[in-house]
Amino acid sequence: MADVQAAWRDPELAKHLVELIDKAADRPMKLMEVCGTHTVAIARFGLRAVMPENITLLSGPGCPVCVTANRDIDLAIELSRVPGVVITTFGDMMKVPGSYSSLAREKSEGRDVRIVYSPLDAIKMAQSEPDKQVVFLGVGFETTVPIIAATIKQASATGIENFSVLCVHKTVPGALEALVNDPDVHIDGFILPGHVSTIIGPEPYRFIAEQYHVPGVVTGFEPVDVLQGVWMLAKQLQEGRAEVEIAYQRGVNADGNPTAKALIEEVFEPIDAEWRGIGVIPGTGLGIREAFSKWDAARRFDVTPPEPRAIPGCQCGEVLRGAILPFQCRIFGKGCTPEHPIGPCMVSSEGSCAAYYRYTDYGR
């Protein structure tokens, strides 16, 4: 295992790939990664610094915490104020600001908000505290959806009625279409997400290449993985091709994970979803199907959040669209840092602003 990992971090192999990229990049090319783990890897390993002049790497809406709209966060905050309700969530969501507050602030003011490491922890909490209504805030892309689906099925099978899910999950392929149609952003190719693709496979991205002639490459998260993906994209562009290719054969196959996909299909159905910085994208959200509606927190609780508002000064939405780079935000590194984040792109460990701040000179 160590030898395999060493190969994917081999400096000589990485250097060779950079040389191949340089030869293939015969004109300016803007490539966007749409996975938060890619964003962190690119920053951590300094891969932007070794790119030839013609290659620009853009960070896209690959952080599920970051793309969660204020409206959805506001709803979770409003639910936390309902007597007897416990909000459970992953740690990254605690500090993400809504329009007027955050879950961390609500907790400091006495609301029952708890960090869990799995939705199954929330199920156990509901079983041990039957006098409470335990709500799990479901955030994430296709990677995390199967475990949420399995948790809802478990609640249904065991009759746990004081548990529900506030589902704000999103699916990736439709967001790519919104980006290629954005008049303010030009993208020549997509570095496609490895984790998501282990679930859905490469087929759902195919329309981007076929309809819009924008190539994509699914790749992994080690330096050689990313460089191989960039080279394959540059090669496609040099040759005038637009295909969806896999540079992550050890993690992704052509069919994805049929069992996980079937589980998602059983519990969830596509709905419209609002993405921070992009707006409402039809069919990119996941709603809980009628058969499991008893465990849908949005239906169980009759709460209405206040009218959402933007975070003053924050340009996270423009960063997520690739319209600006993180350090071009007017509050980056000034009022907004990982220690004192103002926007979600600086809050999340996968946020592009946090990655730039931690791993590049722009954070100094």
Protein backbone atom coordinates (compact mmCIF):
# COMPACT_ATOMS: atom_id res chain seq x y z
CA MET A 1 0.00 0.00 0.00
CA ALA A 2 2.82 2.38 0.85
CA ASP A 3 4.50 1.65 -2.50
CA VAL A 4 1.27 2.40 -4.35
CA GLN A 5 0.83 5.69 -2.53
CA ALA A 6 4.46 6.58 -3.19
CA ALA A 7 3.89 6.05 -6.92
CA TRP A 8 1.03 8.54 -6.92
CA ARG A 9 3.34 11.06 -5.26
CA ASP A 10 6.44 10.23 -7.32
CA PRO A 11 8.20 13.56 -8.06
CA GLU A 12 9.79 12.28 -11.27
CA LEU A 13 6.46 11.06 -12.61
CA ALA A 14 4.87 14.35 -11.60
CA LYS A 15 7.63 16.28 -13.38
CA HIS A 16 7.12 14.21 -16.53
CA LEU A 17 3.39 14.90 -16.48
CA VAL A 18 4.01 18.64 -16.10
CA GLU A 19 6.21 18.47 -19.20
CA LEU A 20 3.46 16.65 -21.10
CA ILE A 21 0.92 19.25 -19.97
CA ASP A 22 3.20 22.02 -21.17
CA LYS A 23 3.43 20.43 -24.64
CA ALA A 24 -0.32 19.84 -24.88
CA ALA A 25 -1.35 23.30 -23.66
CA ASP A 26 -0.89 24.99 -27.01
CA ARG A 27 -3.34 27.79 -26.13
CA PRO A 28 -4.95 29.24 -22.97
CA MET A 29 -7.10 26.63 -21.21
CA LYS A 30 -9.33 27.16 -18.19
CA LEU A 31 -9.99 23.92 -16.31
CA MET A 32 -12.34 23.72 -13.34
CA GLU A 33 -12.25 21.17 -10.55
CA VAL A 34 -15.70 20.48 -9.12
CA CYS A 35 -14.70 18.59 -6.00
CA GLY A 36 -13.69 20.15 -2.71
CA THR A 37 -11.13 17.41 -2.10
CA HIS A 38 -9.50 18.28 -5.42
CA THR A 39 -9.44 21.94 -4.39
CA VAL A 40 -7.58 21.05 -1.19
CA ALA A 41 -5.19 18.67 -2.98
CA ILE A 42 -4.32 21.21 -5.68
CA ALA A 43 -3.58 23.87 -3.07
CA ARG A 44 -1.84 21.57 -0.61
CA PHE A 45 0.55 20.10 -3.18
CA GLY A 46 1.20 23.43 -4.91
CA LEU A 47 -0.04 22.20 -8.27
CA ARG A 48 -1.14 25.62 -9.53
CA ALA A 49 2.45 26.81 -9.16
CA VAL A 50 3.77 24.15 -11.56
CA MET A 51 1.17 24.69 -14.26
CA PRO A 52 2.38 26.19 -17.55
CA GLU A 53 1.28 29.72 -18.33
CA ASN A 54 -1.51 28.55 -20.62
CA ILE A 55 -3.28 26.49 -17.91
CA THR A 56 -5.58 28.14 -15.38
CA LEU A 57 -7.09 25.96 -12.67
CA LEU A 58 -10.42 27.28 -11.34
CA SER A 59 -12.22 26.09 -8.22
CA GLY A 60 -15.91 25.40 -8.76
CA PRO A 61 -18.93 24.49 -6.62
CA GLY A 62 -17.32 21.35 -5.25
CA CYS A 63 -17.84 22.03 -1.56
CA PRO A 64 -21.35 20.91 -0.49
CA VAL A 65 -21.23 23.01 2.66
CA CYS A 66 -20.30 26.10 0.63
CA VAL A 67 -23.06 25.74 -1.97
CA THR A 68 -25.80 25.32 0.65
CA ALA A 69 -28.00 28.38 0.25
CA ASN A 70 -28.75 30.80 3.07
CA ARG A 71 -32.43 29.85 2.79
CA ASP A 72 -31.63 26.22 3.75
CA ILE A 73 -29.37 27.22 6.63
CA ASP A 74 -32.02 29.64 7.85
CA LEU A 75 -34.54 26.79 7.89
CA ALA A 76 -32.21 24.62 10.02
CA ILE A 77 -31.72 27.56 12.41
CA GLU A 78 -35.48 28.08 12.64
CA LEU A 79 -35.96 24.37 13.42
CA SER A 80 -33.38 24.61 16.22
CA ARG A 81 -35.66 27.15 17.90
CA VAL A 82 -38.59 24.73 18.07
CA PRO A 83 -38.98 23.44 21.66
CA GLY A 84 -37.89 19.83 22.04
CA VAL A 85 -36.00 19.69 18.73
CA VAL A 86 -32.37 18.58 18.58
CA ILE A 87 -30.45 19.55 15.45
CA THR A 88 -27.64 17.14 14.57
CA THR A 89 -25.10 17.95 11.91
CA PHE A 90 -21.55 17.45 10.71
CA GLY A 91 -19.01 19.83 12.23
CA ASP A 92 -18.43 21.91 9.09
CA MET A 93 -22.02 23.15 9.12
CA MET A 94 -21.85 24.64 12.61
CA LYS A 95 -20.11 27.91 11.70
CA VAL A 96 -21.65 28.40 8.26
CA PRO A 97 -23.52 31.69 8.41
CA GLY A 98 -27.13 31.95 7.41
CA SER A 99 -28.83 35.27 6.81
CA TYR A 100 -28.89 36.35 10.45
CA SER A 101 -27.26 33.64 12.56
CA SER A 102 -25.48 30.27 12.48
CA LEU A 103 -26.00 26.93 14.20
CA ALA A 104 -22.94 27.65 16.37
CA ARG A 105 -24.47 30.91 17.52
CA GLU A 106 -27.81 29.22 18.19
CA LYS A 107 -26.03 26.61 20.30
CA SER A 108 -24.27 29.34 22.29
CA GLU A 109 -27.69 30.85 22.97
CA GLY A 110 -29.05 27.61 24.39
CA ARG A 111 -30.48 25.71 21.40
CA ASP A 112 -29.85 21.98 21.34
CA VAL A 113 -27.45 21.62 18.40
CA ARG A 114 -25.04 18.67 18.39
CA ILE A 115 -22.22 17.50 16.14
CA VAL A 116 -22.39 13.89 14.94
CA TYR A 117 -20.06 11.87 12.74
CA SER A 118 -22.76 9.85 11.03
CA PRO A 119 -26.55 10.03 10.63
CA LEU A 120 -26.59 6.69 12.44
CA ASP A 121 -25.41 8.58 15.53
CA ALA A 122 -28.56 10.70 15.24
CA ILE A 123 -30.70 7.56 15.06
CA LYS A 124 -29.12 6.27 18.29
CA MET A 125 -29.71 9.66 19.89
CA ALA A 126 -33.40 9.50 18.97
CA GLN A 127 -33.68 6.02 20.48
CA SER A 128 -32.02 7.06 23.73
CA GLU A 129 -33.99 10.33 24.04
CA PRO A 130 -37.56 9.49 23.04
CA ASP A 131 -38.85 12.79 24.45
CA LYS A 132 -36.82 14.72 21.86
CA GLN A 133 -37.36 15.24 18.13
CA VAL A 134 -33.96 14.57 16.56
CA VAL A 135 -33.39 16.21 13.17
CA PHE A 136 -30.36 15.38 11.06
CA LEU A 137 -29.25 18.11 8.65
CA GLY A 138 -28.44 16.19 5.46
CA VAL A 139 -25.84 18.07 3.41
CA GLY A 140 -23.63 16.68 0.66
CA PHE A 141 -23.40 15.38 -2.88
CA GLU A 142 -24.02 11.85 -4.19
CA THR A 143 -21.13 10.52 -2.09
CA THR A 144 -22.93 10.91 1.24
CA VAL A 145 -26.51 10.34 0.08
CA PRO A 146 -26.52 6.50 0.27
CA ILE A 147 -25.82 6.48 4.02
CA ILE A 148 -28.62 9.03 4.56
CA ALA A 149 -30.96 6.84 2.51
CA ALA A 150 -29.97 3.79 4.54
CA THR A 151 -30.58 5.70 7.78
CA ILE A 152 -34.07 6.75 6.69
CA LYS A 153 -34.83 3.15 5.73
CA GLN A 154 -33.62 1.99 9.15
CA ALA A 155 -35.85 4.52 10.89
CA SER A 156 -38.77 3.28 8.80
CA ALA A 157 -38.03 -0.40 9.42
CA THR A 158 -37.62 0.01 13.18
CA GLY A 159 -40.43 2.52 13.66
CA ILE A 160 -38.31 5.35 15.06
CA GLU A 161 -40.74 8.26 14.79
CA ASN A 162 -38.82 10.96 16.68
CA PHE A 163 -36.13 11.11 13.98
CA SER A 164 -36.25 13.03 10.70
CA VAL A 165 -33.93 14.44 8.05
CA LEU A 166 -33.79 17.99 6.75
CA CYS A 167 -32.52 17.12 3.31
CA VAL A 168 -30.56 19.74 1.38
CA HIS A 169 -28.52 17.28 -0.69
CA LYS A 170 -27.49 18.21 -4.20
CA THR A 171 -26.38 16.32 -7.31
CA VAL A 172 -23.39 17.42 -9.36
CA PRO A 173 -24.06 16.91 -13.10
CA GLY A 174 -26.77 19.56 -13.43
CA ALA A 175 -24.51 22.17 -11.85
CA LEU A 176 -21.98 21.61 -14.65
CA GLU A 177 -24.62 22.52 -17.21
CA ALA A 178 -25.42 25.71 -15.32
CA LEU A 179 -21.72 26.61 -15.33
CA VAL A 180 -21.17 26.04 -19.06
CA ASN A 181 -24.21 28.26 -19.71
CA ASP A 182 -22.97 31.04 -17.41
CA PRO A 183 -22.08 34.03 -19.63
CA ASP A 184 -19.63 35.36 -17.04
CA VAL A 185 -17.56 32.18 -16.84
CA HIS A 186 -15.63 30.36 -19.58
CA ILE A 187 -14.66 26.77 -18.86
CA ASP A 188 -12.68 24.66 -21.35
CA GLY A 189 -12.75 21.41 -19.38
CA PHE A 190 -13.83 19.84 -16.09
CA ILE A 191 -11.72 17.92 -13.58
CA LEU A 192 -14.57 15.68 -12.48
CA PRO A 193 -15.04 14.53 -8.87
CA GLY A 194 -13.59 11.17 -7.93
CA HIS A 195 -15.70 10.53 -4.82
CA VAL A 196 -19.02 11.38 -6.48
CA SER A 197 -18.07 9.32 -9.52
CA THR A 198 -17.50 6.19 -7.42
CA ILE A 199 -21.26 6.32 -6.85
CA ILE A 200 -22.70 7.57 -10.15
CA GLY A 201 -19.97 6.59 -12.62
CA PRO A 202 -19.00 8.75 -15.63
CA GLU A 203 -22.20 8.43 -17.67
CA PRO A 204 -24.18 11.31 -16.05
CA TYR A 205 -21.51 13.78 -17.22
CA ARG A 206 -21.53 12.58 -20.83
CA PHE A 207 -24.01 15.20 -22.00
CA ILE A 208 -21.55 18.00 -21.19
CA ALA A 209 -19.13 16.64 -23.80
CA GLU A 210 -21.77 15.65 -26.34
CA GLN A 211 -24.03 18.71 -26.14
CA TYR A 212 -21.58 21.44 -25.16
CA HIS A 213 -18.28 20.04 -26.50
CA VAL A 214 -16.62 20.52 -23.10
CA PRO A 215 -14.41 17.56 -22.09
CA GLY A 216 -14.18 16.05 -18.62
CA VAL A 217 -11.80 13.70 -16.84
CA VAL A 218 -12.61 11.86 -13.60
CA THR A 219 -9.51 11.67 -11.47
CA GLY A 220 -8.27 10.98 -7.96
CA PHE A 221 -6.68 13.12 -5.29
CA GLU A 222 -2.96 12.43 -5.22
CA PRO A 223 -0.62 14.80 -7.11
CA VAL A 224 -0.04 12.38 -9.98
CA ASP A 225 -3.81 11.74 -10.18
CA VAL A 226 -4.56 15.42 -10.63
CA LEU A 227 -1.69 16.02 -13.06
CA GLN A 228 -2.76 13.04 -15.15
CA GLY A 229 -6.29 14.44 -15.27
CA VAL A 230 -5.02 17.86 -16.35
CA TRP A 231 -2.83 16.30 -19.05
CA MET A 232 -5.71 14.21 -20.41
CA LEU A 233 -7.90 17.32 -20.58
CA ALA A 234 -5.18 19.38 -22.27
CA LYS A 235 -4.62 16.55 -24.75
CA GLN A 236 -8.33 16.40 -25.60
CA LEU A 237 -8.43 20.15 -26.17
CA GLN A 238 -5.26 20.05 -28.27
CA GLU A 239 -6.77 17.33 -30.46
CA GLY A 240 -10.19 18.97 -30.69
CA ARG A 241 -11.91 16.15 -28.82
CA ALA A 242 -14.61 16.37 -26.15
CA GLU A 243 -15.07 13.14 -24.20
CA VAL A 244 -15.55 11.99 -20.62
CA GLU A 245 -12.55 9.89 -19.59
CA ILE A 246 -11.53 8.14 -16.38
CA ALA A 247 -8.05 8.69 -14.94
CA TYR A 248 -9.07 7.06 -11.66
CA GLN A 249 -9.59 3.44 -12.65
CA ARG A 250 -8.69 2.18 -9.19
CA GLY A 251 -11.69 4.00 -7.72
CA VAL A 252 -14.27 4.45 -10.48
CA ASN A 253 -15.82 2.04 -12.93
CA ALA A 254 -18.17 2.61 -15.84
CA ASP A 255 -21.30 1.70 -13.86
CA GLY A 256 -20.45 3.48 -10.63
CA ASN A 257 -21.99 1.69 -7.64
CA PRO A 258 -25.32 0.12 -8.73
CA THR A 259 -26.30 -0.80 -5.15
CA ALA A 260 -25.79 2.75 -3.88
CA LYS A 261 -27.61 4.22 -6.88
CA ALA A 262 -30.58 1.92 -6.31
CA LEU A 263 -30.74 2.93 -2.66
CA ILE A 264 -30.73 6.63 -3.57
CA GLU A 265 -33.45 6.04 -6.17
CA GLU A 266 -35.63 4.18 -3.65
CA VAL A 267 -35.59 6.89 -0.97
CA PHE A 268 -35.10 10.15 -2.90
CA GLU A 269 -36.48 11.89 -5.95
CA PRO A 270 -35.07 14.83 -7.95
CA ILE A 271 -36.30 18.31 -7.01
CA ASP A 272 -35.15 21.83 -7.81
CA ALA A 273 -32.39 23.14 -5.55
CA GLU A 274 -30.86 26.52 -4.83
CA TRP A 275 -27.07 26.71 -5.07
CA ARG A 276 -25.17 29.56 -3.46
CA GLY A 277 -23.86 31.86 -6.17
CA ILE A 278 -25.60 30.01 -8.99
CA GLY A 279 -29.28 30.13 -8.09
CA VAL A 280 -31.98 27.52 -8.54
CA ILE A 281 -30.93 24.63 -10.78
CA PRO A 282 -33.81 22.34 -11.82
CA GLY A 283 -33.58 18.72 -10.74
CA THR A 284 -30.32 19.04 -8.80
CA GLY A 285 -31.80 18.58 -5.34
CA LEU A 286 -32.97 15.40 -3.64
CA GLY A 287 -36.34 15.28 -1.91
CA ILE A 288 -37.53 12.44 0.29
CA ARG A 289 -40.10 10.33 -1.53
CA GLU A 290 -43.71 10.12 -0.34
CA ALA A 291 -43.21 6.58 0.95
CA PHE A 292 -40.71 7.95 3.51
CA SER A 293 -42.32 11.36 4.05
CA LYS A 294 -42.83 10.66 7.76
CA TRP A 295 -39.06 11.14 8.17
CA ASP A 296 -38.92 14.40 6.21
CA ALA A 297 -38.28 17.25 8.67
CA ALA A 298 -39.42 19.88 6.18
CA ARG A 299 -42.88 18.26 6.12
CA ARG A 300 -42.99 17.35 9.80
CA PHE A 301 -42.40 20.84 11.17
CA ASP A 302 -44.37 23.87 10.10
CA VAL A 303 -41.70 26.54 10.32
CA THR A 304 -40.99 29.46 8.00
CA PRO A 305 -37.55 31.07 8.01
CA PRO A 306 -37.17 34.82 7.51
CA GLU A 307 -36.52 36.22 4.05
CA PRO A 308 -32.88 35.35 3.25
CA ARG A 309 -30.25 38.01 2.76
CA ALA A 310 -26.69 37.99 1.44
CA ILE A 311 -23.69 38.03 3.76
CA PRO A 312 -22.31 41.59 3.64
CA GLY A 313 -18.99 41.75 1.79
CA CYS A 314 -18.77 38.03 1.04
CA GLN A 315 -18.11 37.01 -2.58
CA CYS A 316 -18.24 33.27 -1.97
CA GLY A 317 -20.90 32.86 -4.65
CA GLU A 318 -18.61 34.36 -7.30
CA VAL A 319 -15.76 32.10 -6.15
CA LEU A 320 -18.00 29.02 -6.44
CA ARG A 321 -18.86 29.93 -10.05
CA GLY A 322 -15.21 30.44 -10.96
CA ALA A 323 -15.95 34.10 -11.74
CA ILE A 324 -13.18 35.22 -9.36
CA LEU A 325 -10.33 33.50 -7.54
CA PRO A 326 -10.53 33.38 -3.72
CA PHE A 327 -7.84 36.01 -3.12
CA GLN A 328 -9.78 38.40 -5.36
CA CYS A 329 -12.61 38.57 -2.82
CA ARG A 330 -12.50 41.95 -1.12
CA ILE A 331 -12.53 40.48 2.39
CA PHE A 332 -10.22 37.47 1.81
CA GLY A 333 -7.52 37.37 4.48
CA LYS A 334 -8.71 40.65 5.91
CA GLY A 335 -11.99 40.32 7.77
CA CYS A 336 -12.38 36.72 6.61
CA THR A 337 -9.94 34.02 7.76
CA PRO A 338 -10.35 30.36 8.84
CA GLU A 339 -10.13 31.50 12.47
CA HIS A 340 -12.79 34.18 11.92
CA PRO A 341 -14.70 33.13 8.80
CA ILE A 342 -17.35 35.38 7.32
CA GLY A 343 -18.35 33.28 4.31
CA PRO A 344 -18.87 29.51 3.91
CA CYS A 345 -15.94 29.17 1.46
CA MET A 346 -13.67 30.04 4.38
CA VAL A 347 -15.61 28.01 6.94
CA SER A 348 -15.50 24.56 5.36
CA SER A 349 -12.33 22.47 5.34
CA GLU A 350 -13.08 21.86 1.64
CA GLY A 351 -13.80 25.50 0.86
CA SER A 352 -11.62 27.05 -1.83
CA CYS A 353 -10.99 30.19 0.24
CA ALA A 354 -9.82 28.11 3.20
CA ALA A 355 -7.56 26.05 0.91
CA TYR A 356 -6.00 29.16 -0.66
CA TYR A 357 -5.52 30.73 2.77
CA ARG A 358 -3.88 27.67 4.33
CA TYR A 359 -1.68 26.49 1.49
CA THR A 360 -0.71 29.49 -0.66
CA ASP A 361 1.14 32.75 -0.21
CA TYR A 362 -2.16 34.59 -0.56
CA GLY A 363 -2.98 33.63 3.01
CA ARG A 364 0.20 35.13 4.40
